[in-house]
PDB file of N, CA and C in Angstrom:
ATOM      1  N   MET A   1      71.926 113.137 115.125  1.00  0.00           N
ATOM      2  CA  MET A   1      72.646 113.991 114.198  1.00  0.00           C
ATOM      3  C   MET A   1      71.575 114.785 113.476  1.00  0.00           C
ATOM      4  N   ASN A   2      71.889 116.110 113.095  1.00  0.00           N
ATOM      5  CA  ASN A   2      71.117 116.900 112.274  1.00  0.00           C
ATOM      6  C   ASN A   2      70.970 116.617 110.729  1.00  0.00           C
ATOM      7  N   ASN A   3      70.384 117.462 110.075  1.00  0.00           N
ATOM      8  CA  ASN A   3      70.299 117.015 108.594  1.00  0.00           C
ATOM      9  C   ASN A   3      71.521 117.316 107.799  1.00  0.00           C
ATOM     10  N   LYS A   4      72.284 118.431 108.281  1.00  0.00           N
ATOM     11  CA  LYS A   4      73.546 118.823 107.679  1.00  0.00           C
ATOM     12  C   LYS A   4      74.705 117.858 107.801  1.00  0.00           C
ATOM     13  N   SER A   5      74.674 117.105 108.915  1.00  0.00           N
ATOM     14  CA  SER A   5      75.752 116.280 109.271  1.00  0.00           C
ATOM     15  C   SER A   5      75.302 114.962 108.420  1.00  0.00           C
ATOM     16  N   ILE A   6      74.120 114.661 108.521  1.00  0.00           N
ATOM     17  CA  ILE A   6      73.810 113.549 107.730  1.00  0.00           C
ATOM     18  C   ILE A   6      74.061 113.537 106.275  1.00  0.00           C
ATOM     19  N   ARG A   7      73.830 114.645 105.687  1.00  0.00           N
ATOM     20  CA  ARG A   7      73.976 114.880 104.386  1.00  0.00           C
ATOM     21  C   ARG A   7      75.634 114.840 104.084  1.00  0.00           C
ATOM     22  N   ARG A   8      76.571 115.393 105.030  1.00  0.00           N
ATOM     23  CA  ARG A   8      77.845 115.298 104.735  1.00  0.00           C
ATOM     24  C   ARG A   8      78.255 113.862 104.957  1.00  0.00           C
ATOM     25  N   GLN A   9      77.629 113.029 106.011  1.00  0.00           N
ATOM     26  CA  GLN A   9      78.249 111.813 106.126  1.00  0.00           C
ATOM     27  C   GLN A   9      77.955 110.876 104.702  1.00  0.00           C
ATOM     28  N   LYS A  10      76.688 111.004 103.945  1.00  0.00           N
ATOM     29  CA  LYS A  10      76.364 110.281 102.786  1.00  0.00           C
ATOM     30  C   LYS A  10      77.582 110.886 101.692  1.00  0.00           C
ATOM     31  N   ILE A  11      77.847 112.048 101.606  1.00  0.00           N
ATOM     32  CA  ILE A  11      78.688 112.534 100.685  1.00  0.00           C
ATOM     33  C   ILE A  11      79.875 111.921 101.181  1.00  0.00           C
ATOM     34  N   ARG A  12      80.373 111.860 102.383  1.00  0.00           N
ATOM     35  CA  ARG A  12      81.718 111.308 102.720  1.00  0.00           C
ATOM     36  C   ARG A  12      81.670 109.896 102.086  1.00  0.00           C
ATOM     37  N   TYR A  13      80.700 109.140 102.498  1.00  0.00           N
ATOM     38  CA  TYR A  13      80.752 107.643 102.209  1.00  0.00           C
ATOM     39  C   TYR A  13      81.056 107.482 100.762  1.00  0.00           C
ATOM     40  N   ASN A  14      80.247 108.230  99.813  1.00  0.00           N
ATOM     41  CA  ASN A  14      80.343 107.961  98.355  1.00  0.00           C
ATOM     42  C   ASN A  14      81.722 108.382  97.897  1.00  0.00           C
ATOM     43  N   ILE A  15      82.510 109.561  98.467  1.00  0.00           N
ATOM     44  CA  ILE A  15      83.770 109.789  98.039  1.00  0.00           C
ATOM     45  C   ILE A  15      84.680 108.495  98.540  1.00  0.00           C
ATOM     46  N   ARG A  16      84.428 107.977  99.735  1.00  0.00           N
ATOM     47  CA  ARG A  16      85.316 106.960 100.091  1.00  0.00           C
ATOM     48  C   ARG A  16      85.346 105.624  99.371  1.00  0.00           C
ATOM     49  N   LYS A  17      84.056 105.485  98.593  1.00  0.00           N
ATOM     50  CA  LYS A  17      83.930 104.297  97.777  1.00  0.00           C
ATOM     51  C   LYS A  17      84.915 104.414  96.558  1.00  0.00           C
ATOM     52  N   LYS A  18      85.085 105.703  96.154  1.00  0.00           N
ATOM     53  CA  LYS A  18      86.022 106.130  94.990  1.00  0.00           C
ATOM     54  C   LYS A  18      87.394 106.319  95.402  1.00  0.00           C
ATOM     55  N   VAL A  19      87.679 106.768  96.486  1.00  0.00           N
ATOM     56  CA  VAL A  19      88.934 107.246  96.882  1.00  0.00           C
ATOM     57  C   VAL A  19      89.725 106.254  97.872  1.00  0.00           C
ATOM     58  N   ALA A  20      90.932 105.637  97.725  1.00  0.00           N
ATOM     59  CA  ALA A  20      91.655 104.925  98.640  1.00  0.00           C
ATOM     60  C   ALA A  20      93.228 105.357  98.419  1.00  0.00           C
ATOM     61  N   GLY A  21      93.923 105.285  99.503  1.00  0.00           N
ATOM     62  CA  GLY A  21      95.314 105.829  99.350  1.00  0.00           C
ATOM     63  C   GLY A  21      96.170 104.388  99.409  1.00  0.00           C
ATOM     64  N   SER A  22      97.348 104.652  99.117  1.00  0.00           N
ATOM     65  CA  SER A  22      98.456 103.380  99.123  1.00  0.00           C
ATOM     66  C   SER A  22      99.748 104.177  99.793  1.00  0.00           C
ATOM     67  N   GLY A  23     100.460 103.115  99.783  1.00  0.00           N
ATOM     68  CA  GLY A  23     101.956 103.704 100.349  1.00  0.00           C
ATOM     69  C   GLY A  23     102.567 104.648  99.595  1.00  0.00           C
ATOM     70  N   GLN A  24     102.427 104.549  98.370  1.00  0.00           N
ATOM     71  CA  GLN A  24     103.284 105.448  97.403  1.00  0.00           C
ATOM     72  C   GLN A  24     102.287 106.742  97.208  1.00  0.00           C
ATOM     73  N   LYS A  25     101.048 106.375  97.060  1.00  0.00           N
ATOM     74  CA  LYS A  25     100.011 107.768  96.933  1.00  0.00           C
ATOM     75  C   LYS A  25      99.176 107.537  97.980  1.00  0.00           C
ATOM     76  N   PRO A  26      99.473 108.138  99.303  1.00  0.00           N
ATOM     77  CA  PRO A  26      98.417 108.157 100.276  1.00  0.00           C
ATOM     78  C   PRO A  26      97.245 109.062 100.320  1.00  0.00           C
ATOM     79  N   ARG A  27      96.384 108.876 101.101  1.00  0.00           N
ATOM     80  CA  ARG A  27      95.080 109.818 100.911  1.00  0.00           C
ATOM     81  C   ARG A  27      95.377 110.874 101.871  1.00  0.00           C
ATOM     82  N   LEU A  28      95.102 112.000 101.451  1.00  0.00           N
ATOM     83  CA  LEU A  28      95.142 113.114 102.497  1.00  0.00           C
ATOM     84  C   LEU A  28      93.622 113.494 103.060  1.00  0.00           C
ATOM     85  N   ALA A  29      93.194 113.108 104.275  1.00  0.00           N
ATOM     86  CA  ALA A  29      92.119 113.278 104.702  1.00  0.00           C
ATOM     87  C   ALA A  29      91.887 114.395 105.590  1.00  0.00           C
ATOM     88  N   VAL A  30      90.814 115.236 105.434  1.00  0.00           N
ATOM     89  CA  VAL A  30      90.617 116.431 105.956  1.00  0.00           C
ATOM     90  C   VAL A  30      89.388 116.216 106.932  1.00  0.00           C
ATOM     91  N   PHE A  31      89.570 116.832 108.054  1.00  0.00           N
ATOM     92  CA  PHE A  31      88.470 117.072 109.016  1.00  0.00           C
ATOM     93  C   PHE A  31      88.395 118.671 109.610  1.00  0.00           C
ATOM     94  N   ARG A  32      87.169 119.112 109.426  1.00  0.00           N
ATOM     95  CA  ARG A  32      86.977 120.447 109.861  1.00  0.00           C
ATOM     96  C   ARG A  32      86.252 120.606 110.828  1.00  0.00           C
ATOM     97  N   SER A  33      86.460 121.326 111.930  1.00  0.00           N
ATOM     98  CA  SER A  33      85.576 121.371 113.163  1.00  0.00           C
ATOM     99  C   SER A  33      85.377 122.853 113.111  1.00  0.00           C
ATOM    100  N   ASN A  34      84.682 123.432 114.201  1.00  0.00           N
ATOM    101  CA  ASN A  34      84.183 124.901 114.308  1.00  0.00           C
ATOM    102  C   ASN A  34      85.541 125.590 114.677  1.00  0.00           C
ATOM    103  N   THR A  35      86.501 124.999 115.443  1.00  0.00           N
ATOM    104  CA  THR A  35      87.586 125.859 116.050  1.00  0.00           C
ATOM    105  C   THR A  35      88.827 125.470 115.222  1.00  0.00           C
ATOM    106  N   GLY A  36      89.064 124.147 114.496  1.00  0.00           N
ATOM    107  CA  GLY A  36      90.175 123.956 113.952  1.00  0.00           C
ATOM    108  C   GLY A  36      89.957 123.065 112.524  1.00  0.00           C
ATOM    109  N   ILE A  37      91.139 122.807 112.075  1.00  0.00           N
ATOM    110  CA  ILE A  37      91.236 121.861 111.009  1.00  0.00           C
ATOM    111  C   ILE A  37      92.468 120.752 111.162  1.00  0.00           C
ATOM    112  N   TYR A  38      92.129 119.595 110.772  1.00  0.00           N
ATOM    113  CA  TYR A  38      93.072 118.466 110.772  1.00  0.00           C
ATOM    114  C   TYR A  38      93.318 117.822 109.620  1.00  0.00           C
ATOM    115  N   ALA A  39      94.475 117.243 109.302  1.00  0.00           N
ATOM    116  CA  ALA A  39      94.802 116.596 108.131  1.00  0.00           C
ATOM    117  C   ALA A  39      95.585 115.419 108.412  1.00  0.00           C
ATOM    118  N   GLN A  40      95.393 114.400 107.771  1.00  0.00           N
ATOM    119  CA  GLN A  40      96.124 112.989 107.929  1.00  0.00           C
ATOM    120  C   GLN A  40      96.549 112.543 106.675  1.00  0.00           C
ATOM    121  N   LEU A  41      97.810 112.023 106.394  1.00  0.00           N
ATOM    122  CA  LEU A  41      98.075 111.099 105.234  1.00  0.00           C
ATOM    123  C   LEU A  41      97.821 109.602 105.726  1.00  0.00           C
ATOM    124  N   ILE A  42      96.892 109.220 104.951  1.00  0.00           N
ATOM    125  CA  ILE A  42      96.741 107.563 105.323  1.00  0.00           C
ATOM    126  C   ILE A  42      96.779 106.595 104.214  1.00  0.00           C
ATOM    127  N   ASP A  43      97.614 105.410 104.850  1.00  0.00           N
ATOM    128  CA  ASP A  43      97.696 104.303 103.650  1.00  0.00           C
ATOM    129  C   ASP A  43      96.556 103.560 103.989  1.00  0.00           C
ATOM    130  N   ASP A  44      95.551 103.524 103.015  1.00  0.00           N
ATOM    131  CA  ASP A  44      94.430 102.580 103.203  1.00  0.00           C
ATOM    132  C   ASP A  44      94.837 101.035 103.144  1.00  0.00           C
ATOM    133  N   VAL A  45      95.771 100.741 102.397  1.00  0.00           N
ATOM    134  CA  VAL A  45      96.185  99.283 102.201  1.00  0.00           C
ATOM    135  C   VAL A  45      96.667  98.665 103.678  1.00  0.00           C
ATOM    136  N   LYS A  46      97.380  99.414 104.383  1.00  0.00           N
ATOM    137  CA  LYS A  46      98.012  98.963 105.684  1.00  0.00           C
ATOM    138  C   LYS A  46      97.169  99.174 106.755  1.00  0.00           C
ATOM    139  N   GLY A  47      96.316 100.369 106.351  1.00  0.00           N
ATOM    140  CA  GLY A  47      95.376 100.940 107.448  1.00  0.00           C
ATOM    141  C   GLY A  47      96.057 101.738 108.595  1.00  0.00           C
ATOM    142  N   VAL A  48      97.150 102.389 108.059  1.00  0.00           N
ATOM    143  CA  VAL A  48      97.928 103.370 109.238  1.00  0.00           C
ATOM    144  C   VAL A  48      97.976 104.744 108.722  1.00  0.00           C
ATOM    145  N   THR A  49      97.949 105.611 109.675  1.00  0.00           N
ATOM    146  CA  THR A  49      98.256 106.954 109.502  1.00  0.00           C
ATOM    147  C   THR A  49      99.665 107.208 109.347  1.00  0.00           C
ATOM    148  N   LEU A  50     100.332 107.982 108.146  1.00  0.00           N
ATOM    149  CA  LEU A  50     101.541 108.242 108.151  1.00  0.00           C
ATOM    150  C   LEU A  50     101.954 109.473 108.805  1.00  0.00           C
ATOM    151  N   ALA A  51     101.218 110.409 108.604  1.00  0.00           N
ATOM    152  CA  ALA A  51     101.421 111.585 109.234  1.00  0.00           C
ATOM    153  C   ALA A  51     100.267 112.586 109.510  1.00  0.00           C
ATOM    154  N   SER A  52     100.125 113.285 110.362  1.00  0.00           N
ATOM    155  CA  SER A  52      99.189 114.282 110.640  1.00  0.00           C
ATOM    156  C   SER A  52      99.587 115.801 111.158  1.00  0.00           C
ATOM    157  N   ALA A  53      98.696 116.553 110.824  1.00  0.00           N
ATOM    158  CA  ALA A  53      98.883 118.050 111.252  1.00  0.00           C
ATOM    159  C   ALA A  53      97.613 118.622 111.578  1.00  0.00           C
ATOM    160  N   SER A  54      97.698 119.419 112.420  1.00  0.00           N
ATOM    161  CA  SER A  54      96.293 120.180 112.953  1.00  0.00           C
ATOM    162  C   SER A  54      96.677 121.645 113.368  1.00  0.00           C
ATOM    163  N   THR A  55      95.605 122.511 113.515  1.00  0.00           N
ATOM    164  CA  THR A  55      95.781 123.704 114.110  1.00  0.00           C
ATOM    165  C   THR A  55      96.122 123.609 115.549  1.00  0.00           C
ATOM    166  N   LYS A  56      95.864 122.435 116.266  1.00  0.00           N
ATOM    167  CA  LYS A  56      96.386 122.259 117.509  1.00  0.00           C
ATOM    168  C   LYS A  56      97.863 122.080 117.779  1.00  0.00           C
ATOM    169  N   ASP A  57      98.531 121.690 116.663  1.00  0.00           N
ATOM    170  CA  ASP A  57      99.964 121.556 117.043  1.00  0.00           C
ATOM    171  C   ASP A  57     100.896 122.903 117.342  1.00  0.00           C
ATOM    172  N   LYS A  58     101.864 122.822 118.051  1.00  0.00           N
ATOM    173  CA  LYS A  58     102.436 124.066 118.748  1.00  0.00           C
ATOM    174  C   LYS A  58     102.868 124.915 117.691  1.00  0.00           C
ATOM    175  N   GLY A  59     103.584 124.441 116.708  1.00  0.00           N
ATOM    176  CA  GLY A  59     104.131 125.451 115.658  1.00  0.00           C
ATOM    177  C   GLY A  59     102.798 126.152 114.819  1.00  0.00           C
ATOM    178  N   VAL A  60     101.684 125.726 114.746  1.00  0.00           N
ATOM    179  CA  VAL A  60     100.615 126.226 113.885  1.00  0.00           C
ATOM    180  C   VAL A  60      99.611 127.193 115.183  1.00  0.00           C
ATOM    181  N   ALA A  61      99.474 126.723 116.204  1.00  0.00           N
ATOM    182  CA  ALA A  61      98.710 127.433 117.260  1.00  0.00           C
ATOM    183  C   ALA A  61      99.415 128.535 117.652  1.00  0.00           C
ATOM    184  N   ALA A  62     100.638 128.634 117.462  1.00  0.00           N
ATOM    185  CA  ALA A  62     101.341 129.876 117.753  1.00  0.00           C
ATOM    186  C   ALA A  62     101.233 131.115 116.830  1.00  0.00           C
ATOM    187  N   GLN A  63     100.947 130.853 115.766  1.00  0.00           N
ATOM    188  CA  GLN A  63     100.584 131.740 114.712  1.00  0.00           C
ATOM    189  C   GLN A  63      99.114 132.295 114.785  1.00  0.00           C
ATOM    190  N   LYS A  64      98.902 133.405 115.303  1.00  0.00           N
ATOM    191  CA  LYS A  64      97.535 133.956 115.229  1.00  0.00           C
ATOM    192  C   LYS A  64      97.036 134.330 113.878  1.00  0.00           C
ATOM    193  N   GLY A  65      95.647 134.447 113.706  1.00  0.00           N
ATOM    194  CA  GLY A  65      95.353 135.098 112.344  1.00  0.00           C
ATOM    195  C   GLY A  65      94.001 134.445 112.239  1.00  0.00           C
ATOM    196  N   LYS A  66      93.390 134.454 110.877  1.00  0.00           N
ATOM    197  CA  LYS A  66      92.157 134.040 110.643  1.00  0.00           C
ATOM    198  C   LYS A  66      92.276 132.566 110.458  1.00  0.00           C
ATOM    199  N   LYS A  67      91.180 131.754 110.596  1.00  0.00           N
ATOM    200  CA  LYS A  67      91.046 130.258 110.442  1.00  0.00           C
ATOM    201  C   LYS A  67      91.579 129.872 108.995  1.00  0.00           C
ATOM    202  N   VAL A  68      91.294 130.632 107.877  1.00  0.00           N
ATOM    203  CA  VAL A  68      91.754 130.320 106.667  1.00  0.00           C
ATOM    204  C   VAL A  68      93.261 130.300 106.599  1.00  0.00           C
ATOM    205  N   ASP A  69      93.677 131.283 107.033  1.00  0.00           N
ATOM    206  CA  ASP A  69      95.281 131.257 107.047  1.00  0.00           C
ATOM    207  C   ASP A  69      95.783 130.199 107.833  1.00  0.00           C
ATOM    208  N   GLN A  70      95.326 129.906 109.121  1.00  0.00           N
ATOM    209  CA  GLN A  70      95.885 128.644 109.790  1.00  0.00           C
ATOM    210  C   GLN A  70      95.727 127.531 108.982  1.00  0.00           C
ATOM    211  N   SER A  71      94.699 127.279 108.246  1.00  0.00           N
ATOM    212  CA  SER A  71      94.422 126.104 107.385  1.00  0.00           C
ATOM    213  C   SER A  71      95.597 125.989 106.361  1.00  0.00           C
ATOM    214  N   LYS A  72      95.741 127.306 105.706  1.00  0.00           N
ATOM    215  CA  LYS A  72      97.095 127.107 104.664  1.00  0.00           C
ATOM    216  C   LYS A  72      98.318 126.508 105.456  1.00  0.00           C
ATOM    217  N   VAL A  73      98.631 127.223 106.540  1.00  0.00           N
ATOM    218  CA  VAL A  73      99.689 126.641 107.398  1.00  0.00           C
ATOM    219  C   VAL A  73      99.761 125.098 107.627  1.00  0.00           C
ATOM    220  N   VAL A  74      98.527 124.675 108.039  1.00  0.00           N
ATOM    221  CA  VAL A  74      98.242 123.145 108.390  1.00  0.00           C
ATOM    222  C   VAL A  74      98.604 122.361 106.959  1.00  0.00           C
ATOM    223  N   GLY A  75      98.122 122.885 105.879  1.00  0.00           N
ATOM    224  CA  GLY A  75      98.646 122.260 104.563  1.00  0.00           C
ATOM    225  C   GLY A  75      99.967 122.154 104.207  1.00  0.00           C
ATOM    226  N   GLN A  76     100.605 123.341 104.603  1.00  0.00           N
ATOM    227  CA  GLN A  76     102.242 123.500 104.523  1.00  0.00           C
ATOM    228  C   GLN A  76     102.939 122.315 105.366  1.00  0.00           C
ATOM    229  N   GLU A  77     102.555 122.506 106.493  1.00  0.00           N
ATOM    230  CA  GLU A  77     102.959 121.536 107.606  1.00  0.00           C
ATOM    231  C   GLU A  77     102.992 119.930 106.891  1.00  0.00           C
ATOM    232  N   ILE A  78     101.671 119.542 106.709  1.00  0.00           N
ATOM    233  CA  ILE A  78     101.573 118.259 106.219  1.00  0.00           C
ATOM    234  C   ILE A  78     102.407 117.920 105.119  1.00  0.00           C
ATOM    235  N   ALA A  79     102.386 118.953 104.287  1.00  0.00           N
ATOM    236  CA  ALA A  79     103.290 118.682 103.086  1.00  0.00           C
ATOM    237  C   ALA A  79     104.908 118.611 103.325  1.00  0.00           C
ATOM    238  N   LYS A  80     105.304 119.193 104.463  1.00  0.00           N
ATOM    239  CA  LYS A  80     106.590 119.038 104.928  1.00  0.00           C
ATOM    240  C   LYS A  80     106.876 117.583 105.438  1.00  0.00           C
ATOM    241  N   LYS A  81     105.845 117.073 106.050  1.00  0.00           N
ATOM    242  CA  LYS A  81     105.890 115.981 106.717  1.00  0.00           C
ATOM    243  C   LYS A  81     105.945 114.643 105.683  1.00  0.00           C
ATOM    244  N   ALA A  82     105.033 115.024 104.606  1.00  0.00           N
ATOM    245  CA  ALA A  82     104.901 114.112 103.450  1.00  0.00           C
ATOM    246  C   ALA A  82     106.313 113.935 102.729  1.00  0.00           C
ATOM    247  N   VAL A  83     106.971 115.067 102.335  1.00  0.00           N
ATOM    248  CA  VAL A  83     108.274 115.273 101.572  1.00  0.00           C
ATOM    249  C   VAL A  83     109.278 114.434 102.612  1.00  0.00           C
ATOM    250  N   ALA A  84     109.283 114.578 103.730  1.00  0.00           N
ATOM    251  CA  ALA A  84     110.480 114.019 104.532  1.00  0.00           C
ATOM    252  C   ALA A  84     110.121 112.461 104.511  1.00  0.00           C
ATOM    253  N   LEU A  85     109.002 112.061 104.438  1.00  0.00           N
ATOM    254  CA  LEU A  85     108.622 110.576 104.210  1.00  0.00           C
ATOM    255  C   LEU A  85     108.849 110.121 102.855  1.00  0.00           C
ATOM    256  N   GLY A  86     109.070 110.972 101.848  1.00  0.00           N
ATOM    257  CA  GLY A  86     109.457 110.719 100.413  1.00  0.00           C
ATOM    258  C   GLY A  86     108.219 110.610  99.623  1.00  0.00           C
ATOM    259  N   VAL A  87     107.265 111.324 100.206  1.00  0.00           N
ATOM    260  CA  VAL A  87     105.763 111.193  99.242  1.00  0.00           C
ATOM    261  C   VAL A  87     105.624 112.524  98.564  1.00  0.00           C
ATOM    262  N   LYS A  88     105.436 112.308  97.298  1.00  0.00           N
ATOM    263  CA  LYS A  88     105.322 113.582  96.435  1.00  0.00           C
ATOM    264  C   LYS A  88     103.826 113.542  95.878  1.00  0.00           C
ATOM    265  N   GLU A  89     103.258 112.545  95.686  1.00  0.00           N
ATOM    266  CA  GLU A  89     101.755 112.487  95.127  1.00  0.00           C
ATOM    267  C   GLU A  89     100.885 112.084  96.116  1.00  0.00           C
ATOM    268  N   ILE A  90      99.601 112.557  96.173  1.00  0.00           N
ATOM    269  CA  ILE A  90      98.730 112.333  97.301  1.00  0.00           C
ATOM    270  C   ILE A  90      97.260 112.175  96.517  1.00  0.00           C
ATOM    271  N   ILE A  91      96.372 111.641  97.170  1.00  0.00           N
ATOM    272  CA  ILE A  91      94.905 111.716  96.796  1.00  0.00           C
ATOM    273  C   ILE A  91      94.247 112.373  97.803  1.00  0.00           C
ATOM    274  N   PHE A  92      93.416 113.607  97.391  1.00  0.00           N
ATOM    275  CA  PHE A  92      92.814 114.554  98.203  1.00  0.00           C
ATOM    276  C   PHE A  92      91.437 113.930  98.623  1.00  0.00           C
ATOM    277  N   ASP A  93      91.025 114.091 100.009  1.00  0.00           N
ATOM    278  CA  ASP A  93      89.892 113.573 100.483  1.00  0.00           C
ATOM    279  C   ASP A  93      89.327 114.613 101.277  1.00  0.00           C
ATOM    280  N   ARG A  94      88.426 115.229 100.677  1.00  0.00           N
ATOM    281  CA  ARG A  94      87.796 116.449 101.302  1.00  0.00           C
ATOM    282  C   ARG A  94      86.961 116.250 102.402  1.00  0.00           C
ATOM    283  N   GLY A  95      86.496 114.792 102.613  1.00  0.00           N
ATOM    284  CA  GLY A  95      85.787 114.653 103.894  1.00  0.00           C
ATOM    285  C   GLY A  95      84.256 115.036 103.841  1.00  0.00           C
ATOM    286  N   GLY A  96      83.789 115.231 102.689  1.00  0.00           N
ATOM    287  CA  GLY A  96      82.274 115.644 102.389  1.00  0.00           C
ATOM    288  C   GLY A  96      81.975 117.093 102.625  1.00  0.00           C
ATOM    289  N   TYR A  97      83.190 117.650 102.931  1.00  0.00           N
ATOM    290  CA  TYR A  97      83.164 119.309 102.922  1.00  0.00           C
ATOM    291  C   TYR A  97      83.297 119.825 101.587  1.00  0.00           C
ATOM    292  N   LEU A  98      82.542 120.913 101.165  1.00  0.00           N
ATOM    293  CA  LEU A  98      82.730 121.637 100.062  1.00  0.00           C
ATOM    294  C   LEU A  98      84.249 122.101  99.870  1.00  0.00           C
ATOM    295  N   TYR A  99      84.637 122.179  98.532  1.00  0.00           N
ATOM    296  CA  TYR A  99      86.109 122.522  98.310  1.00  0.00           C
ATOM    297  C   TYR A  99      85.994 124.076  98.055  1.00  0.00           C
ATOM    298  N   HIS A 100      86.029 124.772  99.609  1.00  0.00           N
ATOM    299  CA  HIS A 100      85.871 126.111  99.468  1.00  0.00           C
ATOM    300  C   HIS A 100      86.505 126.613 100.778  1.00  0.00           C
ATOM    301  N   GLY A 101      86.913 127.616 101.026  1.00  0.00           N
ATOM    302  CA  GLY A 101      87.252 128.338 102.284  1.00  0.00           C
ATOM    303  C   GLY A 101      88.573 127.652 102.966  1.00  0.00           C
ATOM    304  N   ARG A 102      88.110 127.073 104.113  1.00  0.00           N
ATOM    305  CA  ARG A 102      89.323 126.351 105.012  1.00  0.00           C
ATOM    306  C   ARG A 102      90.021 125.034 104.116  1.00  0.00           C
ATOM    307  N   VAL A 103      88.943 124.392 103.590  1.00  0.00           N
ATOM    308  CA  VAL A 103      89.553 123.247 102.937  1.00  0.00           C
ATOM    309  C   VAL A 103      90.261 123.414 101.674  1.00  0.00           C
ATOM    310  N   LYS A 104      89.780 124.480 100.914  1.00  0.00           N
ATOM    311  CA  LYS A 104      90.628 124.877  99.693  1.00  0.00           C
ATOM    312  C   LYS A 104      92.000 125.561 100.188  1.00  0.00           C
ATOM    313  N   ALA A 105      91.937 126.356 101.349  1.00  0.00           N
ATOM    314  CA  ALA A 105      93.310 126.972 101.831  1.00  0.00           C
ATOM    315  C   ALA A 105      94.221 125.796 102.190  1.00  0.00           C
ATOM    316  N   LEU A 106      93.760 124.770 102.793  1.00  0.00           N
ATOM    317  CA  LEU A 106      94.501 123.736 103.082  1.00  0.00           C
ATOM    318  C   LEU A 106      95.220 122.974 102.028  1.00  0.00           C
ATOM    319  N   ALA A 107      94.401 122.714 101.015  1.00  0.00           N
ATOM    320  CA  ALA A 107      94.711 122.010  99.710  1.00  0.00           C
ATOM    321  C   ALA A 107      95.817 122.897  99.110  1.00  0.00           C
ATOM    322  N   GLU A 108      95.664 124.214  98.883  1.00  0.00           N
ATOM    323  CA  GLU A 108      96.589 125.286  98.366  1.00  0.00           C
ATOM    324  C   GLU A 108      97.887 125.200  99.123  1.00  0.00           C
ATOM    325  N   GLY A 109      97.823 125.172 100.391  1.00  0.00           N
ATOM    326  CA  GLY A 109      99.030 125.000 101.234  1.00  0.00           C
ATOM    327  C   GLY A 109      99.872 123.837 100.905  1.00  0.00           C
ATOM    328  N   ALA A 110      99.114 122.476 100.961  1.00  0.00           N
ATOM    329  CA  ALA A 110      99.817 121.493 100.574  1.00  0.00           C
ATOM    330  C   ALA A 110     100.602 121.479  99.156  1.00  0.00           C
ATOM    331  N   ARG A 111      99.740 122.144  98.362  1.00  0.00           N
ATOM    332  CA  ARG A 111     100.322 122.352  97.007  1.00  0.00           C
ATOM    333  C   ARG A 111     101.670 123.299  97.025  1.00  0.00           C
ATOM    334  N   GLU A 112     101.545 124.184  97.611  1.00  0.00           N
ATOM    335  CA  GLU A 112     102.748 124.997  97.822  1.00  0.00           C
ATOM    336  C   GLU A 112     103.878 124.295  98.387  1.00  0.00           C
ATOM    337  N   GLY A 113     103.702 123.385  99.336  1.00  0.00           N
ATOM    338  CA  GLY A 113     104.722 122.585  99.892  1.00  0.00           C
ATOM    339  C   GLY A 113     105.192 121.510  99.184  1.00  0.00           C
ATOM    340  N   GLY A 114     104.742 121.433  97.968  1.00  0.00           N
ATOM    341  CA  GLY A 114     105.305 120.437  97.039  1.00  0.00           C
ATOM    342  C   GLY A 114     104.614 119.236  96.811  1.00  0.00           C
ATOM    343  N   LEU A 115     103.295 118.937  97.155  1.00  0.00           N
ATOM    344  CA  LEU A 115     102.483 117.863  96.827  1.00  0.00           C
ATOM    345  C   LEU A 115     101.829 117.979  95.585  1.00  0.00           C
ATOM    346  N   LYS A 116     101.671 116.919  94.881  1.00  0.00           N
ATOM    347  CA  LYS A 116     100.823 116.816  93.518  1.00  0.00           C
ATOM    348  C   LYS A 116      99.636 116.097  94.063  1.00  0.00           C
ATOM    349  N   PHE A 117      98.445 116.625  93.393  1.00  0.00           N
ATOM    350  CA  PHE A 117      97.099 116.029  93.741  1.00  0.00           C
ATOM    351  C   PHE A 117      96.855 115.151  92.441  1.00  0.00           C
TER     352      PHE A 117
END
């Protein structure tokens, strides 16, 4: 691993010490790759993923545009799935990434979809 990914791992571990999700208030975990962005709602008490959305999903992949715009759509998709599960509040886990660009767009999309952080 290079220095950048080692630094992100350390930040990620420090965030995970403080952040944990439950059934009523799950954790929204974000993973950002070079090509896409992935979001999961996780119940850390049971250790299960409640819902997930990514740029690889059919509905999102069909929409062409910039990665930031696609990230916002992913945020709206995960919010729809969360509301369908009866979840209104979440804990945001940025996964060691800066709250900027695609990660910020995903969070704003989730807020627009009706989730409270």
